[in-house]
């Protein structure tokens, strides 16, 4: 049923955006919306012009999503519409995701000098995580490129108010001194006079940030990921893990990683 509705929705969008035979016609974020079966509407969330196909002509990339009102900051069922600047033909991609403040940006990650479309949206909640999507539309072939997986992180509390954290991807172990939380941990009966009396395993969230940046200034972008690491509870942030990822040979390679104490 969802697939049928989505296909019908796209057909209606094509009708809305059918304009001049010469110039591509952008959707108006303030006026263009379509009612859905859930009682919400489909709105234009973000729209940009950029050559994402490689033919040197600006294309129109539109991010759309479902929400009750235009001013709402949360959108679900996000999807992209690519309109070729030369042929005016449409290609669509359902992201099967939702979030707060979704937006699109353009960066070249694979070095072909054609920017990919990068989408990010906050998921909300105490975890502070976000969702990320990367889409290539070179030569009008729209395909989603998986973003890197979060670092594999494990760890535990040890005697003396310390947390030992292992990044599984590299095998590197970092020790974090948490002595300033002595009273909190003693009151929680995790420690007694500095001796660990309740085993505590470290947990790490998925990426809260996955930020494009050009590390060496060559015009090809990498991704910097940030993960929050928790101790006795999700709200007990003990450290953050940073990682740099580079897209090479159709996969993401970990360039570097580090773990540093949370303030």
Protein backbone atom coordinates (compact mmCIF):
# COMPACT_ATOMS: atom_id res chain seq x y z
CA UNK A 1 0.00 0.00 0.00
CA UNK A 2 2.82 2.39 0.89
CA UNK A 3 4.48 1.69 -2.48
CA UNK A 4 1.24 2.44 -4.33
CA UNK A 5 0.80 5.72 -2.46
CA UNK A 6 4.41 6.72 -3.09
CA UNK A 7 4.10 6.07 -6.83
CA UNK A 8 0.86 8.06 -6.96
CA UNK A 9 2.51 10.88 -5.05
CA UNK A 10 5.38 11.03 -7.51
CA UNK A 11 2.94 11.14 -10.41
CA UNK A 12 1.19 14.13 -8.83
CA UNK A 13 4.52 15.84 -8.28
CA UNK A 14 5.37 15.44 -11.93
CA UNK A 15 2.09 17.14 -12.79
CA UNK A 16 2.79 20.00 -10.37
CA UNK A 17 6.29 20.57 -11.72
CA UNK A 18 5.35 20.37 -15.39
CA UNK A 19 6.23 23.87 -16.63
CA UNK A 20 7.87 25.57 -19.55
CA UNK A 21 9.29 23.24 -22.25
CA UNK A 22 12.52 25.24 -22.11
CA UNK A 23 13.29 25.92 -18.46
CA UNK A 24 13.03 23.57 -15.49
CA UNK A 25 10.36 24.69 -13.03
CA UNK A 26 11.29 24.48 -9.33
CA UNK A 27 8.75 23.59 -6.70
CA UNK A 28 7.73 26.44 -4.40
CA UNK A 29 8.45 25.42 -0.78
CA UNK A 30 5.76 27.83 0.47
CA UNK A 31 2.91 26.67 -1.74
CA UNK A 32 3.52 23.21 -3.14
CA UNK A 33 2.21 20.42 -0.92
CA UNK A 34 0.22 17.24 -1.44
CA UNK A 35 -2.12 15.60 1.07
CA UNK A 36 -1.23 12.07 2.19
CA UNK A 37 -3.41 9.30 3.55
CA UNK A 38 -2.04 9.82 7.07
CA UNK A 39 -3.61 13.26 7.33
CA UNK A 40 -0.24 14.93 6.92
CA UNK A 41 0.98 16.61 3.76
CA UNK A 42 4.03 16.28 1.55
CA UNK A 43 6.11 19.45 1.57
CA UNK A 44 9.24 20.70 -0.13
CA UNK A 45 11.85 20.64 2.65
CA UNK A 46 14.89 21.87 0.74
CA UNK A 47 15.67 22.60 -2.88
CA UNK A 48 18.94 23.49 -4.61
CA UNK A 49 20.35 23.97 -8.10
CA UNK A 50 23.58 22.13 -8.82
CA UNK A 51 25.10 20.13 -11.64
CA UNK A 52 24.95 16.65 -10.12
CA UNK A 53 24.90 14.69 -13.39
CA UNK A 54 28.17 15.94 -14.88
CA UNK A 55 26.83 17.61 -18.03
CA UNK A 56 27.82 21.13 -16.89
CA UNK A 57 24.16 22.21 -16.64
CA UNK A 58 22.49 22.97 -13.31
CA UNK A 59 19.98 20.37 -12.19
CA UNK A 60 17.24 20.82 -9.61
CA UNK A 61 17.51 18.66 -6.50
CA UNK A 62 14.46 18.68 -4.23
CA UNK A 63 14.14 17.10 -0.80
CA UNK A 64 10.53 16.38 0.16
CA UNK A 65 8.94 14.91 3.25
CA UNK A 66 5.72 14.32 5.11
CA UNK A 67 4.62 16.51 8.03
CA UNK A 68 1.46 18.07 9.38
CA UNK A 69 2.41 21.71 8.82
CA UNK A 70 4.98 23.54 6.73
CA UNK A 71 6.51 25.13 9.84
CA UNK A 72 7.06 21.80 11.63
CA UNK A 73 10.74 20.94 12.00
CA UNK A 74 10.26 17.16 11.88
CA UNK A 75 9.64 15.41 8.56
CA UNK A 76 9.16 11.73 7.86
CA UNK A 77 9.22 9.60 4.70
CA UNK A 78 11.91 11.78 3.14
CA UNK A 79 12.62 11.40 -0.57
CA UNK A 80 14.64 13.13 -3.27
CA UNK A 81 13.58 14.30 -6.72
CA UNK A 82 16.28 14.98 -9.30
CA UNK A 83 15.29 17.02 -12.35
CA UNK A 84 17.83 17.00 -15.15
CA UNK A 85 18.62 20.53 -16.26
CA UNK A 86 18.96 19.57 -19.92
CA UNK A 87 16.18 17.02 -20.51
CA UNK A 88 13.86 18.04 -17.62
CA UNK A 89 13.35 14.36 -16.85
CA UNK A 90 12.76 13.31 -13.25
CA UNK A 91 14.43 10.63 -11.16
CA UNK A 92 13.28 9.89 -7.62
CA UNK A 93 14.77 8.14 -4.61
CA UNK A 94 12.94 7.21 -1.43
CA UNK A 95 15.27 7.60 1.58
CA UNK A 96 12.99 5.63 3.94
CA UNK A 97 13.98 7.93 6.78
CA UNK A 98 12.90 10.99 8.72
CA UNK A 99 14.25 13.54 11.15
CA UNK A 100 14.47 17.11 12.39
CA UNK A 101 15.85 19.93 10.24
CA UNK A 102 16.63 17.76 7.18
CA UNK A 103 18.77 19.47 4.55
CA UNK A 104 20.79 18.80 1.42
CA UNK A 105 24.38 19.79 0.59
CA UNK A 106 26.75 18.96 -2.26
CA UNK A 107 30.29 17.60 -2.01
CA UNK A 108 32.60 15.52 -4.19
CA UNK A 109 33.59 12.44 -2.19
CA UNK A 110 34.92 10.11 -4.90
CA UNK A 111 37.15 12.51 -6.84
CA UNK A 112 35.24 12.54 -10.13
CA UNK A 113 34.62 16.31 -9.80
CA UNK A 114 30.87 15.73 -9.82
CA UNK A 115 29.27 16.51 -6.45
CA UNK A 116 27.21 13.94 -4.63
CA UNK A 117 24.06 14.95 -2.74
CA UNK A 118 24.48 14.74 1.03
CA UNK A 119 21.42 14.62 3.29
CA UNK A 120 21.41 14.87 7.07
CA UNK A 121 18.65 15.03 9.68
CA UNK A 122 18.64 14.91 13.47
CA UNK A 123 16.71 12.05 15.06
CA UNK A 124 16.16 13.78 18.40
CA UNK A 125 16.04 12.08 21.78
CA UNK A 126 18.68 11.78 24.48
CA UNK A 127 21.02 9.84 22.21
CA UNK A 128 21.71 12.91 20.11
CA UNK A 129 22.10 10.88 16.93
CA UNK A 130 21.33 11.81 13.33
CA UNK A 131 20.67 10.04 10.04
CA UNK A 132 22.79 10.58 6.95
CA UNK A 133 22.41 9.70 3.28
CA UNK A 134 24.77 10.12 0.34
CA UNK A 135 23.47 9.93 -3.23
CA UNK A 136 25.31 9.92 -6.57
CA UNK A 137 23.42 10.95 -9.71
CA UNK A 138 26.28 10.93 -12.22
CA UNK A 139 24.98 10.57 -15.79
CA UNK A 140 21.43 10.54 -14.33
CA UNK A 141 22.12 7.19 -12.69
CA UNK A 142 20.79 7.76 -9.17
CA UNK A 143 22.27 5.42 -6.57
CA UNK A 144 22.67 5.72 -2.82
CA UNK A 145 26.20 5.32 -1.48
CA UNK A 146 26.19 3.85 2.05
CA UNK A 147 27.80 6.17 4.58
CA UNK A 148 30.48 4.69 6.85
CA UNK A 149 29.39 2.60 9.81
CA UNK A 150 30.06 3.94 13.27
CA UNK A 151 33.23 2.84 15.03
CA UNK A 152 32.99 -0.39 16.97
CA UNK A 153 33.54 0.64 20.57
CA UNK A 154 33.57 -1.32 23.80
CA UNK A 155 34.89 -0.66 27.27
CA UNK A 156 34.38 -0.88 30.99
CA UNK A 157 34.94 0.92 34.24
CA UNK A 158 38.03 -0.06 36.24
CA UNK A 159 39.33 0.64 39.73
CA UNK A 160 40.35 4.18 40.54
CA UNK A 161 37.44 5.85 38.73
CA UNK A 162 38.78 5.07 35.27
CA UNK A 163 37.07 4.02 32.05
CA UNK A 164 38.98 1.85 29.60
CA UNK A 165 37.74 2.27 26.02
CA UNK A 166 38.62 0.07 23.04
CA UNK A 167 38.15 1.10 19.41
CA UNK A 168 37.70 -2.28 17.73
CA UNK A 169 38.52 -0.94 14.26
CA UNK A 170 42.09 -0.11 15.30
CA UNK A 171 42.67 -2.09 18.49
CA UNK A 172 43.66 1.10 20.30
CA UNK A 173 42.79 1.39 24.00
CA UNK A 174 42.27 4.72 25.76
CA UNK A 175 42.03 5.21 29.52
CA UNK A 176 39.82 8.06 30.78
CA UNK A 177 40.25 9.43 34.30
CA UNK A 178 36.84 10.13 35.84
CA UNK A 179 37.99 10.93 39.37
CA UNK A 180 36.05 14.20 39.43
CA UNK A 181 32.86 12.08 39.34
CA UNK A 182 33.88 10.19 42.46
CA UNK A 183 30.94 11.36 44.57
CA UNK A 184 28.41 10.58 41.84
CA UNK A 185 29.75 7.08 41.28
CA UNK A 186 30.09 6.33 44.99
CA UNK A 187 26.51 7.49 45.60
CA UNK A 188 25.35 5.28 42.71
CA UNK A 189 27.17 2.35 44.37
CA UNK A 190 29.37 1.81 41.37
CA UNK A 191 32.53 2.39 43.40
CA UNK A 192 33.39 2.09 47.07
CA UNK A 193 36.50 3.96 48.15
CA UNK A 194 37.77 3.81 44.58
CA UNK A 195 37.19 0.08 44.14
CA UNK A 196 34.75 -0.96 41.43
CA UNK A 197 31.90 -2.91 43.02
CA UNK A 198 29.39 -2.90 40.17
CA UNK A 199 30.57 -3.93 36.69
CA UNK A 200 29.81 -1.17 34.19
CA UNK A 201 30.12 -1.68 30.45
CA UNK A 202 30.75 1.30 28.22
CA UNK A 203 28.22 1.97 25.45
CA UNK A 204 28.64 4.12 22.35
CA UNK A 205 25.94 5.77 20.27
CA UNK A 206 25.93 5.92 16.51
CA UNK A 207 27.20 9.05 14.80
CA UNK A 208 25.76 12.24 16.22
CA UNK A 209 27.67 14.14 13.55
CA UNK A 210 29.06 13.05 10.20
CA UNK A 211 30.50 16.22 8.78
CA UNK A 212 32.01 16.65 5.29
CA UNK A 213 35.44 18.26 5.30
CA UNK A 214 38.33 18.51 2.87
CA UNK A 215 41.24 17.28 4.96
CA UNK A 216 44.09 18.00 2.55
CA UNK A 217 42.53 20.74 0.43
CA UNK A 218 42.43 18.73 -2.80
CA UNK A 219 38.73 19.34 -3.45
CA UNK A 220 37.77 15.78 -2.52
CA UNK A 221 35.87 15.59 0.74
CA UNK A 222 36.14 13.18 3.64
CA UNK A 223 33.67 12.59 6.49
CA UNK A 224 34.36 13.32 10.14
CA UNK A 225 32.26 11.27 12.52
CA UNK A 226 31.58 11.97 16.18
CA UNK A 227 30.14 9.41 18.60
CA UNK A 228 29.17 9.93 22.22
CA UNK A 229 30.31 7.30 24.73
CA UNK A 230 28.25 6.73 27.88
CA UNK A 231 29.03 5.24 31.29
CA UNK A 232 26.55 4.34 34.03
CA UNK A 233 23.60 5.76 32.07
CA UNK A 234 22.89 7.23 28.66
CA UNK A 235 23.14 10.71 30.13
CA UNK A 236 26.53 9.99 31.69
CA UNK A 237 28.80 11.08 28.84
CA UNK A 238 32.35 9.97 29.58
CA UNK A 239 34.04 10.45 26.20
CA UNK A 240 33.68 11.21 22.51
CA UNK A 241 35.14 9.24 19.62
CA UNK A 242 36.26 11.10 16.51
CA UNK A 243 36.93 9.41 13.18
CA UNK A 244 37.92 10.50 9.68
CA UNK A 245 36.69 8.45 6.71
CA UNK A 246 37.75 8.57 3.06
CA UNK A 247 35.85 7.04 0.14
CA UNK A 248 38.27 4.94 -1.96
CA UNK A 249 37.67 2.08 -4.36
CA UNK A 250 33.91 2.15 -3.68
CA UNK A 251 34.25 1.77 0.08
CA UNK A 252 34.97 3.89 3.12
CA UNK A 253 38.43 3.65 4.67
CA UNK A 254 39.15 4.74 8.22
CA UNK A 255 41.91 7.37 8.03
CA UNK A 256 42.22 8.11 11.74
CA UNK A 257 40.37 7.85 15.02
CA UNK A 258 40.75 9.17 18.54
CA UNK A 259 38.94 9.07 21.87
CA UNK A 260 38.91 12.08 24.17
CA UNK A 261 37.30 12.80 27.50
CA UNK A 262 33.92 14.51 27.61
CA UNK A 263 33.83 17.85 29.40
